[in-house]
Amino acid sequence: MTTVAAALISAVASVVVGLLALLGVIITNARSGKGIEQKIAIAQAVTDTKLAELAREVREHNSFAKRMPVLEEQIKVVNHRIDNIENILNWTPKN
């Protein structure tokens, strides 16, 4: 075998090894990318669920906050009526 033939075989072998290495990197990156995409999708689903629950709790709180002034006003009216009844009956509460 001549030096030129040996150099050609060595060059072809180097190209083949390089292509196989490149193929391995491409396959690894593709699989890794799919795994990362799956993890991101799961994390997004969890975040969406938590956000929906938080929105439900905020709506519930807002409903409660709207009802509180109404209840406070009703308590004032009831206390006033109790005071009127106590005055009519001439009754004083025991301390």
PDB file of N, CA and C in Angstrom:
ATOM      1  N   MET A   1       0.829  -1.161   0.000  1.00  0.00           N
ATOM      2  CA  MET A   1       0.000   0.000   0.000  1.00  0.00           C
ATOM      3  C   MET A   1       0.887   1.243   0.000  1.00  0.00           C
ATOM      4  N   THR A   2       0.420   2.189  -0.763  1.00  0.00           N
ATOM      5  CA  THR A   2       1.222   3.398  -0.875  1.00  0.00           C
ATOM      6  C   THR A   2       0.821   4.395   0.197  1.00  0.00           C
ATOM      7  N   THR A   3       1.618   5.388   0.320  1.00  0.00           N
ATOM      8  CA  THR A   3       1.370   6.426   1.312  1.00  0.00           C
ATOM      9  C   THR A   3       0.094   7.190   0.998  1.00  0.00           C
ATOM     10  N   VAL A   4      -0.155   7.395  -0.278  1.00  0.00           N
ATOM     11  CA  VAL A   4      -1.362   8.108  -0.695  1.00  0.00           C
ATOM     12  C   VAL A   4      -2.594   7.287  -0.356  1.00  0.00           C
ATOM     13  N   ALA A   5      -2.561   6.005  -0.602  1.00  0.00           N
ATOM     14  CA  ALA A   5      -3.694   5.129  -0.303  1.00  0.00           C
ATOM     15  C   ALA A   5      -3.937   5.077   1.200  1.00  0.00           C
ATOM     16  N   ALA A   6      -2.882   5.013   1.980  1.00  0.00           N
ATOM     17  CA  ALA A   6      -3.016   4.980   3.439  1.00  0.00           C
ATOM     18  C   ALA A   6      -3.596   6.286   3.949  1.00  0.00           C
ATOM     19  N   ALA A   7      -3.165   7.397   3.399  1.00  0.00           N
ATOM     20  CA  ALA A   7      -3.680   8.704   3.801  1.00  0.00           C
ATOM     21  C   ALA A   7      -5.148   8.819   3.428  1.00  0.00           C
ATOM     22  N   LEU A   8      -5.529   8.302   2.241  1.00  0.00           N
ATOM     23  CA  LEU A   8      -6.923   8.339   1.795  1.00  0.00           C
ATOM     24  C   LEU A   8      -7.810   7.490   2.701  1.00  0.00           C
ATOM     25  N   ILE A   9      -7.330   6.311   3.058  1.00  0.00           N
ATOM     26  CA  ILE A   9      -8.095   5.434   3.963  1.00  0.00           C
ATOM     27  C   ILE A   9      -8.246   6.097   5.326  1.00  0.00           C
ATOM     28  N   SER A  10      -7.198   6.717   5.797  1.00  0.00           N
ATOM     29  CA  SER A  10      -7.235   7.403   7.084  1.00  0.00           C
ATOM     30  C   SER A  10      -8.215   8.578   7.039  1.00  0.00           C
ATOM     31  N   ALA A  11      -8.220   9.311   5.946  1.00  0.00           N
ATOM     32  CA  ALA A  11      -9.125  10.454   5.805  1.00  0.00           C
ATOM     33  C   ALA A  11     -10.574   9.988   5.750  1.00  0.00           C
ATOM     34  N   VAL A  12     -10.829   8.933   4.989  1.00  0.00           N
ATOM     35  CA  VAL A  12     -12.195   8.402   4.891  1.00  0.00           C
ATOM     36  C   VAL A  12     -12.653   7.885   6.255  1.00  0.00           C
ATOM     37  N   ALA A  13     -11.770   7.211   6.956  1.00  0.00           N
ATOM     38  CA  ALA A  13     -12.106   6.693   8.286  1.00  0.00           C
ATOM     39  C   ALA A  13     -12.415   7.849   9.237  1.00  0.00           C
ATOM     40  N   SER A  14     -11.640   8.914   9.152  1.00  0.00           N
ATOM     41  CA  SER A  14     -11.874  10.087  10.001  1.00  0.00           C
ATOM     42  C   SER A  14     -13.218  10.732   9.691  1.00  0.00           C
ATOM     43  N   VAL A  15     -13.563  10.818   8.418  1.00  0.00           N
ATOM     44  CA  VAL A  15     -14.849  11.400   8.014  1.00  0.00           C
ATOM     45  C   VAL A  15     -15.998  10.523   8.514  1.00  0.00           C
ATOM     46  N   VAL A  16     -15.862   9.215   8.381  1.00  0.00           N
ATOM     47  CA  VAL A  16     -16.906   8.287   8.838  1.00  0.00           C
ATOM     48  C   VAL A  16     -17.087   8.414  10.351  1.00  0.00           C
ATOM     49  N   VAL A  17     -15.985   8.438  11.090  1.00  0.00           N
ATOM     50  CA  VAL A  17     -16.065   8.565  12.554  1.00  0.00           C
ATOM     51  C   VAL A  17     -16.700   9.902  12.915  1.00  0.00           C
ATOM     52  N   GLY A  18     -16.330  10.979  12.227  1.00  0.00           N
ATOM     53  CA  GLY A  18     -16.920  12.298  12.479  1.00  0.00           C
ATOM     54  C   GLY A  18     -18.409  12.318  12.219  1.00  0.00           C
ATOM     55  N   LEU A  19     -18.831  11.686  11.113  1.00  0.00           N
ATOM     56  CA  LEU A  19     -20.264  11.628  10.789  1.00  0.00           C
ATOM     57  C   LEU A  19     -21.041  10.819  11.821  1.00  0.00           C
ATOM     58  N   LEU A  20     -20.447   9.705  12.261  1.00  0.00           N
ATOM     59  CA  LEU A  20     -21.120   8.908  13.298  1.00  0.00           C
ATOM     60  C   LEU A  20     -21.226   9.689  14.611  1.00  0.00           C
ATOM     61  N   ALA A  21     -20.190  10.434  14.964  1.00  0.00           N
ATOM     62  CA  ALA A  21     -20.231  11.261  16.165  1.00  0.00           C
ATOM     63  C   ALA A  21     -21.296  12.345  16.041  1.00  0.00           C
ATOM     64  N   LEU A  22     -21.373  12.977  14.871  1.00  0.00           N
ATOM     65  CA  LEU A  22     -22.387  13.994  14.622  1.00  0.00           C
ATOM     66  C   LEU A  22     -23.785  13.403  14.726  1.00  0.00           C
ATOM     67  N   LEU A  23     -23.971  12.218  14.162  1.00  0.00           N
ATOM     68  CA  LEU A  23     -25.264  11.538  14.240  1.00  0.00           C
ATOM     69  C   LEU A  23     -25.638  11.263  15.697  1.00  0.00           C
ATOM     70  N   GLY A  24     -24.665  10.818  16.489  1.00  0.00           N
ATOM     71  CA  GLY A  24     -24.922  10.561  17.905  1.00  0.00           C
ATOM     72  C   GLY A  24     -25.321  11.827  18.653  1.00  0.00           C
ATOM     73  N   VAL A  25     -24.655  12.936  18.368  1.00  0.00           N
ATOM     74  CA  VAL A  25     -24.989  14.214  19.011  1.00  0.00           C
ATOM     75  C   VAL A  25     -26.393  14.662  18.607  1.00  0.00           C
ATOM     76  N   ILE A  26     -26.734  14.526  17.348  1.00  0.00           N
ATOM     77  CA  ILE A  26     -28.069  14.931  16.869  1.00  0.00           C
ATOM     78  C   ILE A  26     -29.155  14.102  17.556  1.00  0.00           C
ATOM     79  N   ILE A  27     -28.951  12.794  17.639  1.00  0.00           N
ATOM     80  CA  ILE A  27     -29.945  11.923  18.284  1.00  0.00           C
ATOM     81  C   ILE A  27     -30.078  12.271  19.761  1.00  0.00           C
ATOM     82  N   THR A  28     -28.952  12.477  20.439  1.00  0.00           N
ATOM     83  CA  THR A  28     -28.979  12.820  21.869  1.00  0.00           C
ATOM     84  C   THR A  28     -29.703  14.143  22.100  1.00  0.00           C
ATOM     85  N   ASN A  29     -29.404  15.143  21.284  1.00  0.00           N
ATOM     86  CA  ASN A  29     -30.061  16.444  21.436  1.00  0.00           C
ATOM     87  C   ASN A  29     -31.557  16.355  21.167  1.00  0.00           C
ATOM     88  N   ALA A  30     -31.949  15.568  20.182  1.00  0.00           N
ATOM     89  CA  ALA A  30     -33.375  15.427  19.868  1.00  0.00           C
ATOM     90  C   ALA A  30     -34.119  14.787  21.040  1.00  0.00           C
ATOM     91  N   ARG A  31     -33.542  13.733  21.599  1.00  0.00           N
ATOM     92  CA  ARG A  31     -34.190  13.065  22.738  1.00  0.00           C
ATOM     93  C   ARG A  31     -34.225  13.973  23.961  1.00  0.00           C
ATOM     94  N   SER A  32     -33.145  14.669  24.190  1.00  0.00           N
ATOM     95  CA  SER A  32     -33.083  15.585  25.330  1.00  0.00           C
ATOM     96  C   SER A  32     -34.111  16.701  25.167  1.00  0.00           C
ATOM     97  N   GLY A  33     -34.241  17.218  23.946  1.00  0.00           N
ATOM     98  CA  GLY A  33     -35.218  18.267  23.676  1.00  0.00           C
ATOM     99  C   GLY A  33     -36.639  17.799  23.934  1.00  0.00           C
ATOM    100  N   LYS A  34     -36.931  16.567  23.535  1.00  0.00           N
ATOM    101  CA  LYS A  34     -38.279  16.024  23.778  1.00  0.00           C
ATOM    102  C   LYS A  34     -38.542  15.883  25.271  1.00  0.00           C
ATOM    103  N   GLY A  35     -37.531  15.449  26.025  1.00  0.00           N
ATOM    104  CA  GLY A  35     -37.691  15.306  27.468  1.00  0.00           C
ATOM    105  C   GLY A  35     -37.919  16.645  28.138  1.00  0.00           C
ATOM    106  N   ILE A  36     -37.178  17.647  27.698  1.00  0.00           N
ATOM    107  CA  ILE A  36     -37.346  18.992  28.261  1.00  0.00           C
ATOM    108  C   ILE A  36     -38.720  19.548  27.907  1.00  0.00           C
ATOM    109  N   GLU A  37     -39.163  19.355  26.681  1.00  0.00           N
ATOM    110  CA  GLU A  37     -40.493  19.819  26.278  1.00  0.00           C
ATOM    111  C   GLU A  37     -41.584  19.158  27.122  1.00  0.00           C
ATOM    112  N   GLN A  38     -41.418  17.868  27.413  1.00  0.00           N
ATOM    113  CA  GLN A  38     -42.406  17.150  28.227  1.00  0.00           C
ATOM    114  C   GLN A  38     -42.424  17.703  29.643  1.00  0.00           C
ATOM    115  N   LYS A  39     -41.249  17.962  30.212  1.00  0.00           N
ATOM    116  CA  LYS A  39     -41.184  18.525  31.565  1.00  0.00           C
ATOM    117  C   LYS A  39     -41.799  19.915  31.611  1.00  0.00           C
ATOM    118  N   ILE A  40     -41.559  20.707  30.574  1.00  0.00           N
ATOM    119  CA  ILE A  40     -42.144  22.047  30.514  1.00  0.00           C
ATOM    120  C   ILE A  40     -43.669  21.956  30.412  1.00  0.00           C
ATOM    121  N   ALA A  41     -44.159  21.028  29.614  1.00  0.00           N
ATOM    122  CA  ALA A  41     -45.616  20.861  29.474  1.00  0.00           C
ATOM    123  C   ALA A  41     -46.247  20.459  30.797  1.00  0.00           C
ATOM    124  N   ILE A  42     -45.592  19.576  31.544  1.00  0.00           N
ATOM    125  CA  ILE A  42     -46.112  19.156  32.849  1.00  0.00           C
ATOM    126  C   ILE A  42     -46.104  20.334  33.812  1.00  0.00           C
ATOM    127  N   ALA A  43     -44.995  21.075  33.840  1.00  0.00           N
ATOM    128  CA  ALA A  43     -44.907  22.239  34.729  1.00  0.00           C
ATOM    129  C   ALA A  43     -45.967  23.275  34.373  1.00  0.00           C
ATOM    130  N   GLN A  44     -46.226  23.468  33.085  1.00  0.00           N
ATOM    131  CA  GLN A  44     -47.243  24.424  32.655  1.00  0.00           C
ATOM    132  C   GLN A  44     -48.638  23.970  33.081  1.00  0.00           C
ATOM    133  N   ALA A  45     -48.904  22.671  32.985  1.00  0.00           N
ATOM    134  CA  ALA A  45     -50.201  22.148  33.419  1.00  0.00           C
ATOM    135  C   ALA A  45     -50.397  22.356  34.915  1.00  0.00           C
ATOM    136  N   VAL A  46     -49.351  22.116  35.696  1.00  0.00           N
ATOM    137  CA  VAL A  46     -49.433  22.327  37.151  1.00  0.00           C
ATOM    138  C   VAL A  46     -49.675  23.807  37.446  1.00  0.00           C
ATOM    139  N   THR A  47     -48.947  24.680  36.746  1.00  0.00           N
ATOM    140  CA  THR A  47     -49.110  26.121  36.948  1.00  0.00           C
ATOM    141  C   THR A  47     -50.525  26.561  36.578  1.00  0.00           C
ATOM    142  N   ASP A  48     -51.044  26.057  35.476  1.00  0.00           N
ATOM    143  CA  ASP A  48     -52.408  26.403  35.062  1.00  0.00           C
ATOM    144  C   ASP A  48     -53.430  25.968  36.112  1.00  0.00           C
ATOM    145  N   THR A  49     -53.231  24.776  36.667  1.00  0.00           N
ATOM    146  CA  THR A  49     -54.147  24.272  37.697  1.00  0.00           C
ATOM    147  C   THR A  49     -54.095  25.142  38.946  1.00  0.00           C
ATOM    148  N   LYS A  50     -52.891  25.481  39.371  1.00  0.00           N
ATOM    149  CA  LYS A  50     -52.743  26.334  40.562  1.00  0.00           C
ATOM    150  C   LYS A  50     -53.334  27.710  40.320  1.00  0.00           C
ATOM    151  N   LEU A  51     -53.133  28.257  39.122  1.00  0.00           N
ATOM    152  CA  LEU A  51     -53.666  29.566  38.795  1.00  0.00           C
ATOM    153  C   LEU A  51     -55.199  29.546  38.788  1.00  0.00           C
ATOM    154  N   ALA A  52     -55.777  28.496  38.255  1.00  0.00           N
ATOM    155  CA  ALA A  52     -57.239  28.376  38.243  1.00  0.00           C
ATOM    156  C   ALA A  52     -57.779  28.290  39.669  1.00  0.00           C
ATOM    157  N   GLU A  53     -57.096  27.545  40.533  1.00  0.00           N
ATOM    158  CA  GLU A  53     -57.520  27.433  41.932  1.00  0.00           C
ATOM    159  C   GLU A  53     -57.398  28.787  42.631  1.00  0.00           C
ATOM    160  N   LEU A  54     -56.325  29.501  42.375  1.00  0.00           N
ATOM    161  CA  LEU A  54     -56.137  30.818  42.976  1.00  0.00           C
ATOM    162  C   LEU A  54     -57.217  31.786  42.502  1.00  0.00           C
ATOM    163  N   ALA A  55     -57.555  31.742  41.225  1.00  0.00           N
ATOM    164  CA  ALA A  55     -58.614  32.606  40.694  1.00  0.00           C
ATOM    165  C   ALA A  55     -59.948  32.284  41.354  1.00  0.00           C
ATOM    166  N   ARG A  56     -60.219  31.005  41.581  1.00  0.00           N
ATOM    167  CA  ARG A  56     -61.461  30.616  42.262  1.00  0.00           C
ATOM    168  C   ARG A  56     -61.483  31.165  43.687  1.00  0.00           C
ATOM    169  N   GLU A  57     -60.352  31.076  44.381  1.00  0.00           N
ATOM    170  CA  GLU A  57     -60.287  31.582  45.751  1.00  0.00           C
ATOM    171  C   GLU A  57     -60.448  33.104  45.791  1.00  0.00           C
ATOM    172  N   VAL A  58     -59.885  33.789  44.814  1.00  0.00           N
ATOM    173  CA  VAL A  58     -60.027  35.252  44.762  1.00  0.00           C
ATOM    174  C   VAL A  58     -61.486  35.632  44.519  1.00  0.00           C
ATOM    175  N   ARG A  59     -62.159  34.918  43.610  1.00  0.00           N
ATOM    176  CA  ARG A  59     -63.582  35.198  43.371  1.00  0.00           C
ATOM    177  C   ARG A  59     -64.393  34.969  44.637  1.00  0.00           C
ATOM    178  N   GLU A  60     -64.087  33.896  45.348  1.00  0.00           N
ATOM    179  CA  GLU A  60     -64.792  33.592  46.600  1.00  0.00           C
ATOM    180  C   GLU A  60     -64.547  34.697  47.626  1.00  0.00           C
ATOM    181  N   HIS A  61     -63.310  35.144  47.729  1.00  0.00           N
ATOM    182  CA  HIS A  61     -62.983  36.218  48.671  1.00  0.00           C
ATOM    183  C   HIS A  61     -63.688  37.510  48.290  1.00  0.00           C
ATOM    184  N   ASN A  62     -63.699  37.828  46.994  1.00  0.00           N
ATOM    185  CA  ASN A  62     -64.366  39.053  46.552  1.00  0.00           C
ATOM    186  C   ASN A  62     -65.859  39.004  46.869  1.00  0.00           C
ATOM    187  N   SER A  63     -66.460  37.848  46.708  1.00  0.00           N
ATOM    188  CA  SER A  63     -67.872  37.700  47.042  1.00  0.00           C
ATOM    189  C   SER A  63     -68.096  37.949  48.527  1.00  0.00           C
ATOM    190  N   PHE A  64     -67.217  37.400  49.336  1.00  0.00           N
ATOM    191  CA  PHE A  64     -67.304  37.606  50.782  1.00  0.00           C
ATOM    192  C   PHE A  64     -67.119  39.086  51.112  1.00  0.00           C
ATOM    193  N   ALA A  65     -66.151  39.732  50.479  1.00  0.00           N
ATOM    194  CA  ALA A  65     -65.882  41.145  50.734  1.00  0.00           C
ATOM    195  C   ALA A  65     -67.071  42.019  50.339  1.00  0.00           C
ATOM    196  N   LYS A  66     -67.830  41.624  49.330  1.00  0.00           N
ATOM    197  CA  LYS A  66     -69.012  42.386  48.929  1.00  0.00           C
ATOM    198  C   LYS A  66     -70.140  42.221  49.936  1.00  0.00           C
ATOM    199  N   ARG A  67     -70.226  41.045  50.554  1.00  0.00           N
ATOM    200  CA  ARG A  67     -71.317  40.783  51.494  1.00  0.00           C
ATOM    201  C   ARG A  67     -71.055  41.389  52.874  1.00  0.00           C
ATOM    202  N   MET A  68     -69.814  41.595  53.256  1.00  0.00           N
ATOM    203  CA  MET A  68     -69.499  42.082  54.596  1.00  0.00           C
ATOM    204  C   MET A  68     -70.140  43.428  54.919  1.00  0.00           C
ATOM    205  N   PRO A  69     -70.067  44.447  54.064  1.00  0.00           N
ATOM    206  CA  PRO A  69     -70.719  45.716  54.407  1.00  0.00           C
ATOM    207  C   PRO A  69     -72.229  45.563  54.609  1.00  0.00           C
ATOM    208  N   VAL A  70     -72.833  44.689  53.840  1.00  0.00           N
ATOM    209  CA  VAL A  70     -74.274  44.440  54.006  1.00  0.00           C
ATOM    210  C   VAL A  70     -74.536  43.843  55.383  1.00  0.00           C
ATOM    211  N   LEU A  71     -73.718  42.868  55.780  1.00  0.00           N
ATOM    212  CA  LEU A  71     -73.888  42.261  57.100  1.00  0.00           C
ATOM    213  C   LEU A  71     -73.633  43.274  58.209  1.00  0.00           C
ATOM    214  N   GLU A  72     -72.628  44.116  58.047  1.00  0.00           N
ATOM    215  CA  GLU A  72     -72.350  45.135  59.054  1.00  0.00           C
ATOM    216  C   GLU A  72     -73.535  46.073  59.217  1.00  0.00           C
ATOM    217  N   GLU A  73     -74.132  46.460  58.109  1.00  0.00           N
ATOM    218  CA  GLU A  73     -75.301  47.348  58.175  1.00  0.00           C
ATOM    219  C   GLU A  73     -76.471  46.641  58.858  1.00  0.00           C
ATOM    220  N   GLN A  74     -76.672  45.379  58.540  1.00  0.00           N
ATOM    221  CA  GLN A  74     -77.750  44.627  59.180  1.00  0.00           C
ATOM    222  C   GLN A  74     -77.499  44.492  60.686  1.00  0.00           C
ATOM    223  N   ILE A  75     -76.262  44.304  61.096  1.00  0.00           N
ATOM    224  CA  ILE A  75     -75.946  44.205  62.518  1.00  0.00           C
ATOM    225  C   ILE A  75     -76.239  45.530  63.214  1.00  0.00           C
ATOM    226  N   LYS A  76     -75.921  46.660  62.557  1.00  0.00           N
ATOM    227  CA  LYS A  76     -76.228  47.972  63.133  1.00  0.00           C
ATOM    228  C   LYS A  76     -77.729  48.119  63.351  1.00  0.00           C
ATOM    229  N   VAL A  77     -78.505  47.718  62.350  1.00  0.00           N
ATOM    230  CA  VAL A  77     -79.967  47.814  62.447  1.00  0.00           C
ATOM    231  C   VAL A  77     -80.477  46.929  63.584  1.00  0.00           C
ATOM    232  N   VAL A  78     -79.971  45.703  63.660  1.00  0.00           N
ATOM    233  CA  VAL A  78     -80.413  44.783  64.717  1.00  0.00           C
ATOM    234  C   VAL A  78     -80.037  45.338  66.084  1.00  0.00           C
ATOM    235  N   ASN A  79     -78.828  45.862  66.230  1.00  0.00           N
ATOM    236  CA  ASN A  79     -78.422  46.440  67.515  1.00  0.00           C
ATOM    237  C   ASN A  79     -79.300  47.631  67.890  1.00  0.00           C
ATOM    238  N   HIS A  80     -79.646  48.439  66.921  1.00  0.00           N
ATOM    239  CA  HIS A  80     -80.519  49.583  67.179  1.00  0.00           C
ATOM    240  C   HIS A  80     -81.902  49.112  67.632  1.00  0.00           C
ATOM    241  N   ARG A  81     -82.408  48.089  66.982  1.00  0.00           N
ATOM    242  CA  ARG A  81     -83.725  47.555  67.361  1.00  0.00           C
ATOM    243  C   ARG A  81     -83.672  46.946  68.761  1.00  0.00           C
ATOM    244  N   ILE A  82     -82.585  46.262  69.087  1.00  0.00           N
ATOM    245  CA  ILE A  82     -82.436  45.694  70.436  1.00  0.00           C
ATOM    246  C   ILE A  82     -82.395  46.819  71.470  1.00  0.00           C
ATOM    247  N   ASP A  83     -81.645  47.879  71.154  1.00  0.00           N
ATOM    248  CA  ASP A  83     -81.602  49.025  72.076  1.00  0.00           C
ATOM    249  C   ASP A  83     -82.992  49.610  72.278  1.00  0.00           C
ATOM    250  N   ASN A  84     -83.768  49.736  71.206  1.00  0.00           N
ATOM    251  CA  ASN A  84     -85.146  50.262  71.316  1.00  0.00           C
ATOM    252  C   ASN A  84     -86.005  49.364  72.193  1.00  0.00           C
ATOM    253  N   ILE A  85     -85.879  48.055  71.984  1.00  0.00           N
ATOM    254  CA  ILE A  85     -86.671  47.111  72.781  1.00  0.00           C
ATOM    255  C   ILE A  85     -86.257  47.190  74.246  1.00  0.00           C
ATOM    256  N   GLU A  86     -84.952  47.278  74.499  1.00  0.00           N
ATOM    257  CA  GLU A  86     -84.470  47.398  75.879  1.00  0.00           C
ATOM    258  C   GLU A  86     -85.006  48.669  76.529  1.00  0.00           C
ATOM    259  N   ASN A  87     -85.024  49.759  75.779  1.00  0.00           N
ATOM    260  CA  ASN A  87     -85.548  51.020  76.327  1.00  0.00           C
ATOM    261  C   ASN A  87     -87.041  50.913  76.623  1.00  0.00           C
ATOM    262  N   ILE A  88     -87.768  50.256  75.747  1.00  0.00           N
ATOM    263  CA  ILE A  88     -89.208  50.090  75.959  1.00  0.00           C
ATOM    264  C   ILE A  88     -89.456  49.256  77.214  1.00  0.00           C
ATOM    265  N   LEU A  89     -88.669  48.191  77.389  1.00  0.00           N
ATOM    266  CA  LEU A  89     -88.852  47.296  78.536  1.00  0.00           C
ATOM    267  C   LEU A  89     -88.146  47.814  79.781  1.00  0.00           C
ATOM    268  N   ASN A  90     -87.405  48.903  79.636  1.00  0.00           N
ATOM    269  CA  ASN A  90     -86.669  49.468  80.757  1.00  0.00           C
ATOM    270  C   ASN A  90     -85.708  48.429  81.331  1.00  0.00           C
ATOM    271  N   TRP A  91     -85.025  47.755  80.450  1.00  0.00           N
ATOM    272  CA  TRP A  91     -84.126  46.650  80.833  1.00  0.00           C
ATOM    273  C   TRP A  91     -82.700  47.067  80.612  1.00  0.00           C
ATOM    274  N   THR A  92     -81.818  46.731  81.530  1.00  0.00           N
ATOM    275  CA  THR A  92     -80.381  47.029  81.367  1.00  0.00           C
ATOM    276  C   THR A  92     -79.622  45.736  81.443  1.00  0.00           C
ATOM    277  N   PRO A  93     -78.672  45.537  80.580  1.00  0.00           N
ATOM    278  CA  PRO A  93     -77.912  44.281  80.589  1.00  0.00           C
ATOM    279  C   PRO A  93     -77.004  44.216  81.810  1.00  0.00           C
ATOM    280  N   LYS A  94     -76.802  42.997  82.332  1.00  0.00           N
ATOM    281  CA  LYS A  94     -75.901  42.773  83.456  1.00  0.00           C
ATOM    282  C   LYS A  94     -74.471  42.762  82.940  1.00  0.00           C
ATOM    283  N   ASN A  95     -73.593  43.417  83.662  1.00  0.00           N
ATOM    284  CA  ASN A  95     -72.168  43.458  83.260  1.00  0.00           C
ATOM    285  C   ASN A  95     -71.374  42.404  83.923  1.00  0.00           C
TER     286      ASN A  95
END
